[in-house]
Amino acid sequence: MMDQERIADYINSLDCGHGELCDRIADEARAGFVPIIRPETAAFLKTVIAAVKPMEILEVGTAVGYSALLMAQAMPSGAHITTIEKYEPRAVLAGEHFRQAGVADQITLLGGDAEGLLKTLTGPFDFIFMDAAKGQYLHWLPQILRLMKSGSVLFSDNVLQDGTILESRFAVERRNRTIHSRMREYLYQLKHMDGLESSIIPIGDGVTLSVCNSSANEVTR
C-alpha cells in the first residue's frame, strides 16, 4: 500500500508555486493558522478550472482570498468569481489581496453568512467551490444544486477530515460527531443522487468532484 504522506510530500516537492503574491499569502495564512487549501489540492483545483473553463464561478468560503486568486489565474478571459466570506476581518484582507493582484474587477466578494446569501443568488454557475464550514455542506446542498445547470461542476474540499471520516462516529471526539455524521451523509447524497456524477478523490484532505448531467430541478436523491 502506498504511503499517502510520502506521496503528498513528493507531489509537493515538484510544485513550482503560484506567483510571488499567492505564495506570500499562503505562507502568511499558514503562519497565522488561517485555513487554506493544501498545496496538492491547490494544484488540482487550478487544473480542473483550466479543464472546465468556467465563466461563472461561485466560491463558498473566501478566507483570505488565496483559492479565489488561484482560480483567477486559471479561468478564461472574461470569467467572473462570486465568493462568500462570513468572517469580516478575513473578507477585508481578501479584498485587499484581490486589489493587489489586480483582479478586483473580476471578483465579487459577498460578506455575510452563506446560508442567507446563497438564497439571494440566481445563478446558474458553471463551477462551485465549497470550502467553508464542513458541518454545513449538507445543509447548503439544496441551494447549491439550485444554482447548478447541466455541465456544472461542484468541487468540495476537506471531505475526508484527516481520515476520521472512515471511523465510526463513536470513535471520533464527541465535539466532532455532528460534523462527522453530516459529512458522511453529504458524501452519500453526492454519490446517490440522480443527475449527479460524483467522485471522491483522496488528495489533500479529500475532495469530491460532482458533475451535473441534468437540469437543477431534475437532480433528485
C-alpha atoms as a PDB file:
ATOM      1  CA  MET A   1       0.000   0.000   0.000  1.00  0.00           C
ATOM      2  CA  MET A   2       1.263   3.466  -0.869  1.00  0.00           C
ATOM      3  CA  ASP A   3       2.351   5.800   1.925  1.00  0.00           C
ATOM      4  CA  GLN A   4      -0.023   8.726   1.317  1.00  0.00           C
ATOM      5  CA  GLU A   5       2.055  11.172   3.354  1.00  0.00           C
ATOM      6  CA  ARG A   6       5.225  10.391   1.409  1.00  0.00           C
ATOM      7  CA  ILE A   7       3.305  10.603  -1.872  1.00  0.00           C
ATOM      8  CA  ALA A   8       1.974  14.044  -0.885  1.00  0.00           C
ATOM      9  CA  ASP A   9       5.485  15.196   0.073  1.00  0.00           C
ATOM     10  CA  TYR A  10       6.807  14.044  -3.304  1.00  0.00           C
ATOM     11  CA  ILE A  11       3.986  15.742  -5.229  1.00  0.00           C
ATOM     12  CA  ASN A  12       4.535  18.972  -3.319  1.00  0.00           C
ATOM     13  CA  SER A  13       8.291  18.826  -3.967  1.00  0.00           C
ATOM     14  CA  LEU A  14       7.510  19.207  -7.680  1.00  0.00           C
ATOM     15  CA  ASP A  15       5.347  22.284  -7.147  1.00  0.00           C
ATOM     16  CA  CYS A  16       6.677  25.453  -8.763  1.00  0.00           C
ATOM     17  CA  GLY A  17       4.459  27.854  -6.820  1.00  0.00           C
ATOM     18  CA  HIS A  18       1.715  30.211  -7.919  1.00  0.00           C
ATOM     19  CA  GLY A  19       3.475  33.534  -8.153  1.00  0.00           C
ATOM     20  CA  GLU A  20       5.049  35.815  -5.558  1.00  0.00           C
ATOM     21  CA  LEU A  21       1.791  37.257  -4.196  1.00  0.00           C
ATOM     22  CA  CYS A  22      -0.062  33.944  -3.871  1.00  0.00           C
ATOM     23  CA  ASP A  23       2.934  32.230  -2.323  1.00  0.00           C
ATOM     24  CA  ARG A  24       3.283  35.050   0.223  1.00  0.00           C
ATOM     25  CA  ILE A  25      -0.428  34.883   1.054  1.00  0.00           C
ATOM     26  CA  ALA A  26      -0.145  31.125   1.565  1.00  0.00           C
ATOM     27  CA  ASP A  27       2.889  31.469   3.841  1.00  0.00           C
ATOM     28  CA  GLU A  28       1.223  34.179   5.936  1.00  0.00           C
ATOM     29  CA  ALA A  29      -2.024  32.208   6.179  1.00  0.00           C
ATOM     30  CA  ARG A  30      -0.311  29.049   7.371  1.00  0.00           C
ATOM     31  CA  ALA A  31       1.787  31.020   9.861  1.00  0.00           C
ATOM     32  CA  GLY A  32      -1.400  32.589  11.217  1.00  0.00           C
ATOM     33  CA  PHE A  33      -3.319  29.279  11.267  1.00  0.00           C
ATOM     34  CA  VAL A  34      -5.784  30.542   8.672  1.00  0.00           C
ATOM     35  CA  PRO A  35      -7.351  27.551   6.874  1.00  0.00           C
ATOM     36  CA  ILE A  36      -6.401  27.469   3.198  1.00  0.00           C
ATOM     37  CA  ILE A  37      -6.331  24.613   0.733  1.00  0.00           C
ATOM     38  CA  ARG A  38      -3.370  22.254   0.852  1.00  0.00           C
ATOM     39  CA  PRO A  39      -0.661  22.574  -1.822  1.00  0.00           C
ATOM     40  CA  GLU A  40      -1.601  19.431  -3.732  1.00  0.00           C
ATOM     41  CA  THR A  41      -5.277  20.466  -3.662  1.00  0.00           C
ATOM     42  CA  ALA A  42      -4.373  23.925  -4.912  1.00  0.00           C
ATOM     43  CA  ALA A  43      -2.629  22.472  -7.946  1.00  0.00           C
ATOM     44  CA  PHE A  44      -5.554  20.133  -8.610  1.00  0.00           C
ATOM     45  CA  LEU A  45      -8.082  22.979  -8.315  1.00  0.00           C
ATOM     46  CA  LYS A  46      -6.220  25.066 -10.886  1.00  0.00           C
ATOM     47  CA  THR A  47      -6.004  22.099 -13.240  1.00  0.00           C
ATOM     48  CA  VAL A  48      -9.750  21.457 -13.007  1.00  0.00           C
ATOM     49  CA  ILE A  49     -10.500  25.137 -13.632  1.00  0.00           C
ATOM     50  CA  ALA A  50      -8.224  25.075 -16.682  1.00  0.00           C
ATOM     51  CA  ALA A  51     -10.012  21.980 -17.990  1.00  0.00           C
ATOM     52  CA  VAL A  52     -13.595  23.075 -17.304  1.00  0.00           C
ATOM     53  CA  LYS A  53     -13.058  26.700 -18.394  1.00  0.00           C
ATOM     54  CA  PRO A  54     -15.949  28.056 -16.302  1.00  0.00           C
ATOM     55  CA  MET A  55     -17.184  31.579 -16.984  1.00  0.00           C
ATOM     56  CA  GLU A  56     -19.223  31.918 -13.777  1.00  0.00           C
ATOM     57  CA  ILE A  57     -17.624  30.606 -10.568  1.00  0.00           C
ATOM     58  CA  LEU A  58     -19.075  30.520  -7.059  1.00  0.00           C
ATOM     59  CA  GLU A  59     -16.840  30.045  -4.040  1.00  0.00           C
ATOM     60  CA  VAL A  60     -18.297  29.382  -0.592  1.00  0.00           C
ATOM     61  CA  GLY A  61     -15.563  30.270   1.894  1.00  0.00           C
ATOM     62  CA  THR A  62     -13.171  33.011   0.764  1.00  0.00           C
ATOM     63  CA  ALA A  63     -10.902  33.104   3.830  1.00  0.00           C
ATOM     64  CA  VAL A  64      -8.086  35.468   2.778  1.00  0.00           C
ATOM     65  CA  GLY A  65      -8.700  35.061  -0.953  1.00  0.00           C
ATOM     66  CA  TYR A  66      -5.991  32.506  -1.724  1.00  0.00           C
ATOM     67  CA  SER A  67      -8.101  29.944  -3.582  1.00  0.00           C
ATOM     68  CA  ALA A  68     -10.026  32.649  -5.444  1.00  0.00           C
ATOM     69  CA  LEU A  69      -6.733  34.043  -6.728  1.00  0.00           C
ATOM     70  CA  LEU A  70      -5.639  30.572  -7.826  1.00  0.00           C
ATOM     71  CA  MET A  71      -8.878  30.137  -9.764  1.00  0.00           C
ATOM     72  CA  ALA A  72      -8.481  33.603 -11.283  1.00  0.00           C
ATOM     73  CA  GLN A  73      -5.071  32.550 -12.607  1.00  0.00           C
ATOM     74  CA  ALA A  74      -6.539  29.556 -14.432  1.00  0.00           C
ATOM     75  CA  MET A  75     -10.002  30.736 -15.524  1.00  0.00           C
ATOM     76  CA  PRO A  76     -10.719  32.002 -19.054  1.00  0.00           C
ATOM     77  CA  SER A  77     -10.554  35.645 -20.005  1.00  0.00           C
ATOM     78  CA  GLY A  78     -13.819  37.369 -19.133  1.00  0.00           C
ATOM     79  CA  ALA A  79     -14.749  34.879 -16.414  1.00  0.00           C
ATOM     80  CA  HIS A  80     -16.092  36.043 -13.060  1.00  0.00           C
ATOM     81  CA  ILE A  81     -15.917  34.765  -9.473  1.00  0.00           C
ATOM     82  CA  THR A  82     -18.522  35.354  -6.769  1.00  0.00           C
ATOM     83  CA  THR A  83     -17.102  34.480  -3.361  1.00  0.00           C
ATOM     84  CA  ILE A  84     -18.685  34.407   0.114  1.00  0.00           C
ATOM     85  CA  GLU A  85     -16.943  35.001   3.450  1.00  0.00           C
ATOM     86  CA  LYS A  86     -18.640  35.230   6.839  1.00  0.00           C
ATOM     87  CA  TYR A  87     -15.701  36.452   8.972  1.00  0.00           C
ATOM     88  CA  GLU A  88     -15.340  40.172   8.291  1.00  0.00           C
ATOM     89  CA  PRO A  89     -11.603  40.623   9.072  1.00  0.00           C
ATOM     90  CA  ARG A  90     -10.747  37.895   6.582  1.00  0.00           C
ATOM     91  CA  ALA A  91     -13.129  39.322   3.990  1.00  0.00           C
ATOM     92  CA  VAL A  92     -11.417  42.712   4.300  1.00  0.00           C
ATOM     93  CA  LEU A  93      -7.990  41.124   3.855  1.00  0.00           C
ATOM     94  CA  ALA A  94      -9.215  39.090   0.892  1.00  0.00           C
ATOM     95  CA  GLY A  95     -10.477  42.251  -0.774  1.00  0.00           C
ATOM     96  CA  GLU A  96      -7.062  43.845  -0.325  1.00  0.00           C
ATOM     97  CA  HIS A  97      -5.375  40.789  -1.819  1.00  0.00           C
ATOM     98  CA  PHE A  98      -7.686  40.974  -4.849  1.00  0.00           C
ATOM     99  CA  ARG A  99      -6.715  44.613  -5.343  1.00  0.00           C
ATOM    100  CA  GLN A 100      -3.013  43.800  -5.014  1.00  0.00           C
ATOM    101  CA  ALA A 101      -3.385  41.088  -7.641  1.00  0.00           C
ATOM    102  CA  GLY A 102      -5.226  43.434  -9.993  1.00  0.00           C
ATOM    103  CA  VAL A 103      -8.299  41.178 -10.241  1.00  0.00           C
ATOM    104  CA  ALA A 104     -10.782  43.057  -8.045  1.00  0.00           C
ATOM    105  CA  ASP A 105     -12.967  43.761 -11.079  1.00  0.00           C
ATOM    106  CA  GLN A 106     -13.187  40.021 -11.800  1.00  0.00           C
ATOM    107  CA  ILE A 107     -14.258  39.005  -8.291  1.00  0.00           C
ATOM    108  CA  THR A 108     -17.397  39.934  -6.359  1.00  0.00           C
ATOM    109  CA  LEU A 109     -16.846  39.457  -2.625  1.00  0.00           C
ATOM    110  CA  LEU A 110     -20.005  38.985  -0.556  1.00  0.00           C
ATOM    111  CA  GLY A 111     -19.626  39.383   3.191  1.00  0.00           C
ATOM    112  CA  GLY A 112     -22.031  37.514   5.425  1.00  0.00           C
ATOM    113  CA  ASP A 113     -23.448  34.120   6.251  1.00  0.00           C
ATOM    114  CA  ALA A 114     -23.580  31.701   3.333  1.00  0.00           C
ATOM    115  CA  GLU A 115     -26.991  30.351   4.293  1.00  0.00           C
ATOM    116  CA  GLY A 116     -28.688  33.683   3.670  1.00  0.00           C
ATOM    117  CA  LEU A 117     -26.515  34.786   0.780  1.00  0.00           C
ATOM    118  CA  LEU A 118     -26.938  31.584  -1.222  1.00  0.00           C
ATOM    119  CA  LYS A 119     -30.698  32.179  -1.243  1.00  0.00           C
ATOM    120  CA  THR A 120     -30.183  35.584  -2.898  1.00  0.00           C
ATOM    121  CA  LEU A 121     -28.141  34.215  -5.812  1.00  0.00           C
ATOM    122  CA  THR A 122     -29.816  33.262  -9.063  1.00  0.00           C
ATOM    123  CA  GLY A 123     -27.015  31.523 -10.957  1.00  0.00           C
ATOM    124  CA  PRO A 124     -26.511  29.319 -12.714  1.00  0.00           C
ATOM    125  CA  PHE A 125     -22.816  28.826 -12.046  1.00  0.00           C
ATOM    126  CA  ASP A 126     -20.509  26.722 -14.177  1.00  0.00           C
ATOM    127  CA  PHE A 127     -18.250  25.841 -11.243  1.00  0.00           C
ATOM    128  CA  ILE A 128     -18.847  25.877  -7.479  1.00  0.00           C
ATOM    129  CA  PHE A 129     -16.035  25.539  -4.944  1.00  0.00           C
ATOM    130  CA  MET A 130     -17.150  24.546  -1.442  1.00  0.00           C
ATOM    131  CA  ASP A 131     -14.580  25.272   1.254  1.00  0.00           C
ATOM    132  CA  ALA A 132     -16.364  26.690   4.278  1.00  0.00           C
ATOM    133  CA  ALA A 133     -17.926  25.209   7.436  1.00  0.00           C
ATOM    134  CA  LYS A 134     -17.775  21.468   6.808  1.00  0.00           C
ATOM    135  CA  GLY A 135     -20.778  20.779   9.015  1.00  0.00           C
ATOM    136  CA  GLN A 136     -22.914  22.949   6.723  1.00  0.00           C
ATOM    137  CA  TYR A 137     -22.154  21.291   3.374  1.00  0.00           C
ATOM    138  CA  LEU A 138     -25.184  19.011   3.689  1.00  0.00           C
ATOM    139  CA  HIS A 139     -27.426  21.872   4.814  1.00  0.00           C
ATOM    140  CA  TRP A 140     -26.358  24.054   1.873  1.00  0.00           C
ATOM    141  CA  LEU A 141     -26.612  21.318  -0.745  1.00  0.00           C
ATOM    142  CA  PRO A 142     -30.199  22.080  -1.889  1.00  0.00           C
ATOM    143  CA  GLN A 143     -29.265  25.704  -2.572  1.00  0.00           C
ATOM    144  CA  ILE A 144     -26.062  24.636  -4.320  1.00  0.00           C
ATOM    145  CA  LEU A 145     -27.996  22.275  -6.593  1.00  0.00           C
ATOM    146  CA  ARG A 146     -30.438  25.076  -7.393  1.00  0.00           C
ATOM    147  CA  LEU A 147     -27.522  27.155  -8.658  1.00  0.00           C
ATOM    148  CA  MET A 148     -26.208  24.446 -10.994  1.00  0.00           C
ATOM    149  CA  LYS A 149     -27.119  23.556 -14.564  1.00  0.00           C
ATOM    150  CA  SER A 150     -26.282  20.683 -16.866  1.00  0.00           C
ATOM    151  CA  GLY A 151     -22.489  20.540 -17.083  1.00  0.00           C
ATOM    152  CA  SER A 152     -21.878  22.468 -13.848  1.00  0.00           C
ATOM    153  CA  VAL A 153     -19.106  21.155 -11.604  1.00  0.00           C
ATOM    154  CA  LEU A 154     -19.157  21.100  -7.795  1.00  0.00           C
ATOM    155  CA  PHE A 155     -15.726  20.826  -6.126  1.00  0.00           C
ATOM    156  CA  SER A 156     -15.910  20.185  -2.362  1.00  0.00           C
ATOM    157  CA  ASP A 157     -12.791  20.297  -0.193  1.00  0.00           C
ATOM    158  CA  ASN A 158     -11.846  18.657   3.127  1.00  0.00           C
ATOM    159  CA  VAL A 159     -14.356  15.844   2.838  1.00  0.00           C
ATOM    160  CA  LEU A 160     -12.182  13.135   4.413  1.00  0.00           C
ATOM    161  CA  GLN A 161     -11.500  15.112   7.603  1.00  0.00           C
ATOM    162  CA  ASP A 162      -7.931  13.897   8.089  1.00  0.00           C
ATOM    163  CA  GLY A 163      -9.102  10.317   7.665  1.00  0.00           C
ATOM    164  CA  THR A 164     -11.596  10.350  10.533  1.00  0.00           C
ATOM    165  CA  ILE A 165     -14.437  10.004   8.019  1.00  0.00           C
ATOM    166  CA  LEU A 166     -13.544   6.276   7.940  1.00  0.00           C
ATOM    167  CA  GLU A 167     -14.253   5.831  11.620  1.00  0.00           C
ATOM    168  CA  SER A 168     -17.477   5.124  13.468  1.00  0.00           C
ATOM    169  CA  ARG A 169     -18.991   8.302  14.904  1.00  0.00           C
ATOM    170  CA  PHE A 170     -18.299   6.855  18.349  1.00  0.00           C
ATOM    171  CA  ALA A 171     -14.573   6.663  17.548  1.00  0.00           C
ATOM    172  CA  VAL A 172     -14.273  10.425  16.958  1.00  0.00           C
ATOM    173  CA  GLU A 173     -14.248  13.089  19.649  1.00  0.00           C
ATOM    174  CA  ARG A 174     -17.733  13.935  20.889  1.00  0.00           C
ATOM    175  CA  ARG A 175     -17.418  17.578  19.778  1.00  0.00           C
ATOM    176  CA  ASN A 176     -16.729  16.412  16.198  1.00  0.00           C
ATOM    177  CA  ARG A 177     -19.504  13.836  15.903  1.00  0.00           C
ATOM    178  CA  THR A 178     -22.099  16.136  14.331  1.00  0.00           C
ATOM    179  CA  ILE A 179     -19.696  17.276  11.611  1.00  0.00           C
ATOM    180  CA  HIS A 180     -18.595  13.676  11.087  1.00  0.00           C
ATOM    181  CA  SER A 181     -22.173  12.444  10.630  1.00  0.00           C
ATOM    182  CA  ARG A 182     -23.148  15.308   8.347  1.00  0.00           C
ATOM    183  CA  MET A 183     -20.108  14.849   6.115  1.00  0.00           C
ATOM    184  CA  ARG A 184     -20.759  11.131   5.752  1.00  0.00           C
ATOM    185  CA  GLU A 185     -24.340  11.926   4.775  1.00  0.00           C
ATOM    186  CA  TYR A 186     -23.122  14.614   2.346  1.00  0.00           C
ATOM    187  CA  LEU A 187     -20.849  12.121   0.603  1.00  0.00           C
ATOM    188  CA  TYR A 188     -23.635   9.558   0.476  1.00  0.00           C
ATOM    189  CA  GLN A 189     -26.009  12.074  -1.104  1.00  0.00           C
ATOM    190  CA  LEU A 190     -23.473  13.126  -3.741  1.00  0.00           C
ATOM    191  CA  LYS A 191     -22.855   9.520  -4.723  1.00  0.00           C
ATOM    192  CA  HIS A 192     -26.536   8.514  -4.807  1.00  0.00           C
ATOM    193  CA  MET A 193     -28.281  11.497  -6.393  1.00  0.00           C
ATOM    194  CA  ASP A 194     -29.819  11.024  -9.809  1.00  0.00           C
ATOM    195  CA  GLY A 195     -28.444  13.709 -12.103  1.00  0.00           C
ATOM    196  CA  LEU A 196     -25.011  13.927 -10.467  1.00  0.00           C
ATOM    197  CA  GLU A 197     -21.853  12.025 -11.338  1.00  0.00           C
ATOM    198  CA  SER A 198     -19.536  12.246  -8.331  1.00  0.00           C
ATOM    199  CA  SER A 199     -16.074  11.009  -7.499  1.00  0.00           C
ATOM    200  CA  ILE A 200     -14.327  11.120  -4.117  1.00  0.00           C
ATOM    201  CA  ILE A 201     -10.622  11.776  -4.606  1.00  0.00           C
ATOM    202  CA  PRO A 202      -8.091  11.181  -1.781  1.00  0.00           C
ATOM    203  CA  ILE A 203      -5.935  14.224  -2.485  1.00  0.00           C
ATOM    204  CA  GLY A 204      -5.049  16.712   0.250  1.00  0.00           C
ATOM    205  CA  ASP A 205      -7.751  16.260   2.880  1.00  0.00           C
ATOM    206  CA  GLY A 206     -10.058  14.704   0.305  1.00  0.00           C
ATOM    207  CA  VAL A 207     -12.117  16.369  -2.402  1.00  0.00           C
ATOM    208  CA  THR A 208     -15.216  15.472  -4.339  1.00  0.00           C
ATOM    209  CA  LEU A 209     -15.896  16.354  -7.951  1.00  0.00           C
ATOM    210  CA  SER A 210     -19.558  16.278  -8.922  1.00  0.00           C
ATOM    211  CA  VAL A 211     -20.816  16.968 -12.435  1.00  0.00           C
ATOM    212  CA  CYS A 212     -24.453  17.850 -13.005  1.00  0.00           C
ATOM    213  CA  ASN A 213     -25.761  15.937 -16.012  1.00  0.00           C
ATOM    214  CA  SER A 214     -29.324  17.267 -15.902  1.00  0.00           C
ATOM    215  CA  SER A 215     -31.118  20.500 -15.062  1.00  0.00           C
ATOM    216  CA  ALA A 216     -31.016  21.526 -11.404  1.00  0.00           C
ATOM    217  CA  ASN A 217     -34.702  20.792 -10.982  1.00  0.00           C
ATOM    218  CA  GLU A 218     -34.163  17.209 -12.143  1.00  0.00           C
ATOM    219  CA  VAL A 219     -31.445  16.330  -9.625  1.00  0.00           C
ATOM    220  CA  THR A 220     -33.069  14.053  -7.055  1.00  0.00           C
ATOM    221  CA  ARG A 221     -31.971  11.974  -4.109  1.00  0.00           C
END
